[in-house]
Amino acid sequence: MIKIFREIEKKVKELEEMRIVAQTGEIIYRQKGELHTADRFRKAEKGIQEAIRILADSSL
């Protein structure tokens, strides 16, 4: 059972890293004026954030 919670913690950390990459991508493409791509990164970041929240809630 503890192994499951360790795996959840590991996945949350991976997702947090992906979220940072998505945020960075959004900033870069917004600065370039490529709003469509920036919006896609923003949507991805929001989805990753939701996944993190769900996993964090399940590990409580």
C-alpha atoms as a PDB file:
ATOM      1  CA  MET A   1       0.000   0.000   0.000  1.00  0.00           C
ATOM      2  CA  ILE A   2       2.811   2.410   0.844  1.00  0.00           C
ATOM      3  CA  LYS A   3       4.356   1.638  -2.553  1.00  0.00           C
ATOM      4  CA  ILE A   4       1.247   3.025  -4.240  1.00  0.00           C
ATOM      5  CA  PHE A   5       1.513   6.310  -2.348  1.00  0.00           C
ATOM      6  CA  ARG A   6       5.213   6.592  -3.196  1.00  0.00           C
ATOM      7  CA  GLU A   7       4.376   6.106  -6.867  1.00  0.00           C
ATOM      8  CA  ILE A   8       1.681   8.778  -6.623  1.00  0.00           C
ATOM      9  CA  GLU A   9       4.194  11.195  -5.088  1.00  0.00           C
ATOM     10  CA  LYS A  10       6.653  10.380  -7.877  1.00  0.00           C
ATOM     11  CA  LYS A  11       4.021  11.021 -10.558  1.00  0.00           C
ATOM     12  CA  VAL A  12       2.991  14.299  -8.919  1.00  0.00           C
ATOM     13  CA  LYS A  13       6.614  15.479  -9.072  1.00  0.00           C
ATOM     14  CA  GLU A  14       6.827  14.498 -12.754  1.00  0.00           C
ATOM     15  CA  LEU A  15       3.588  16.337 -13.483  1.00  0.00           C
ATOM     16  CA  GLU A  16       4.840  19.422 -11.647  1.00  0.00           C
ATOM     17  CA  GLU A  17       7.910  19.445 -13.894  1.00  0.00           C
ATOM     18  CA  MET A  18       5.672  19.120 -16.967  1.00  0.00           C
ATOM     19  CA  ARG A  19       3.507  21.980 -15.696  1.00  0.00           C
ATOM     20  CA  ILE A  20       6.564  24.218 -15.424  1.00  0.00           C
ATOM     21  CA  VAL A  21       7.544  23.340 -18.994  1.00  0.00           C
ATOM     22  CA  ALA A  22       4.018  24.173 -20.179  1.00  0.00           C
ATOM     23  CA  GLN A  23       4.103  27.516 -18.342  1.00  0.00           C
ATOM     24  CA  THR A  24       7.461  28.315 -19.903  1.00  0.00           C
ATOM     25  CA  GLY A  25       6.162  27.393 -23.343  1.00  0.00           C
ATOM     26  CA  GLU A  26       3.164  29.651 -22.880  1.00  0.00           C
ATOM     27  CA  ILE A  27       5.370  32.596 -21.918  1.00  0.00           C
ATOM     28  CA  ILE A  28       7.761  32.052 -24.825  1.00  0.00           C
ATOM     29  CA  TYR A  29       5.038  31.758 -27.457  1.00  0.00           C
ATOM     30  CA  ARG A  30       3.070  34.679 -26.033  1.00  0.00           C
ATOM     31  CA  GLN A  31       6.207  36.833 -26.302  1.00  0.00           C
ATOM     32  CA  LYS A  32       6.641  35.672 -29.911  1.00  0.00           C
ATOM     33  CA  GLY A  33       3.075  36.723 -30.626  1.00  0.00           C
ATOM     34  CA  GLU A  34       1.938  33.170 -31.390  1.00  0.00           C
ATOM     35  CA  LEU A  35      -1.203  33.349 -29.289  1.00  0.00           C
ATOM     36  CA  HIS A  36      -2.780  30.143 -30.615  1.00  0.00           C
ATOM     37  CA  THR A  37       0.216  28.072 -29.530  1.00  0.00           C
ATOM     38  CA  ALA A  38       0.457  29.948 -26.229  1.00  0.00           C
ATOM     39  CA  ASP A  39      -3.199  29.176 -25.535  1.00  0.00           C
ATOM     40  CA  ARG A  40      -2.577  25.484 -26.225  1.00  0.00           C
ATOM     41  CA  PHE A  41       0.248  25.497 -23.686  1.00  0.00           C
ATOM     42  CA  ARG A  42      -2.040  27.260 -21.207  1.00  0.00           C
ATOM     43  CA  LYS A  43      -4.757  24.618 -21.658  1.00  0.00           C
ATOM     44  CA  ALA A  44      -2.162  21.880 -21.202  1.00  0.00           C
ATOM     45  CA  GLU A  45      -0.905  23.550 -18.031  1.00  0.00           C
ATOM     46  CA  LYS A  46      -4.443  23.752 -16.639  1.00  0.00           C
ATOM     47  CA  GLY A  47      -5.035  20.064 -17.409  1.00  0.00           C
ATOM     48  CA  ILE A  48      -1.779  19.061 -15.756  1.00  0.00           C
ATOM     49  CA  GLN A  49      -2.664  21.207 -12.748  1.00  0.00           C
ATOM     50  CA  GLU A  50      -6.010  19.397 -12.455  1.00  0.00           C
ATOM     51  CA  ALA A  51      -4.259  16.011 -12.655  1.00  0.00           C
ATOM     52  CA  ILE A  52      -1.882  17.079  -9.882  1.00  0.00           C
ATOM     53  CA  ARG A  53      -4.820  18.140  -7.730  1.00  0.00           C
ATOM     54  CA  ILE A  54      -6.607  14.824  -8.260  1.00  0.00           C
ATOM     55  CA  LEU A  55      -3.508  12.781  -7.457  1.00  0.00           C
ATOM     56  CA  ALA A  56      -2.704  14.907  -4.418  1.00  0.00           C
ATOM     57  CA  ASP A  57      -6.261  14.464  -3.119  1.00  0.00           C
ATOM     58  CA  SER A  58      -6.049  10.698  -3.564  1.00  0.00           C
ATOM     59  CA  SER A  59      -2.857  10.440  -1.537  1.00  0.00           C
ATOM     60  CA  LEU A  60      -4.358  12.089   1.554  1.00  0.00           C
END
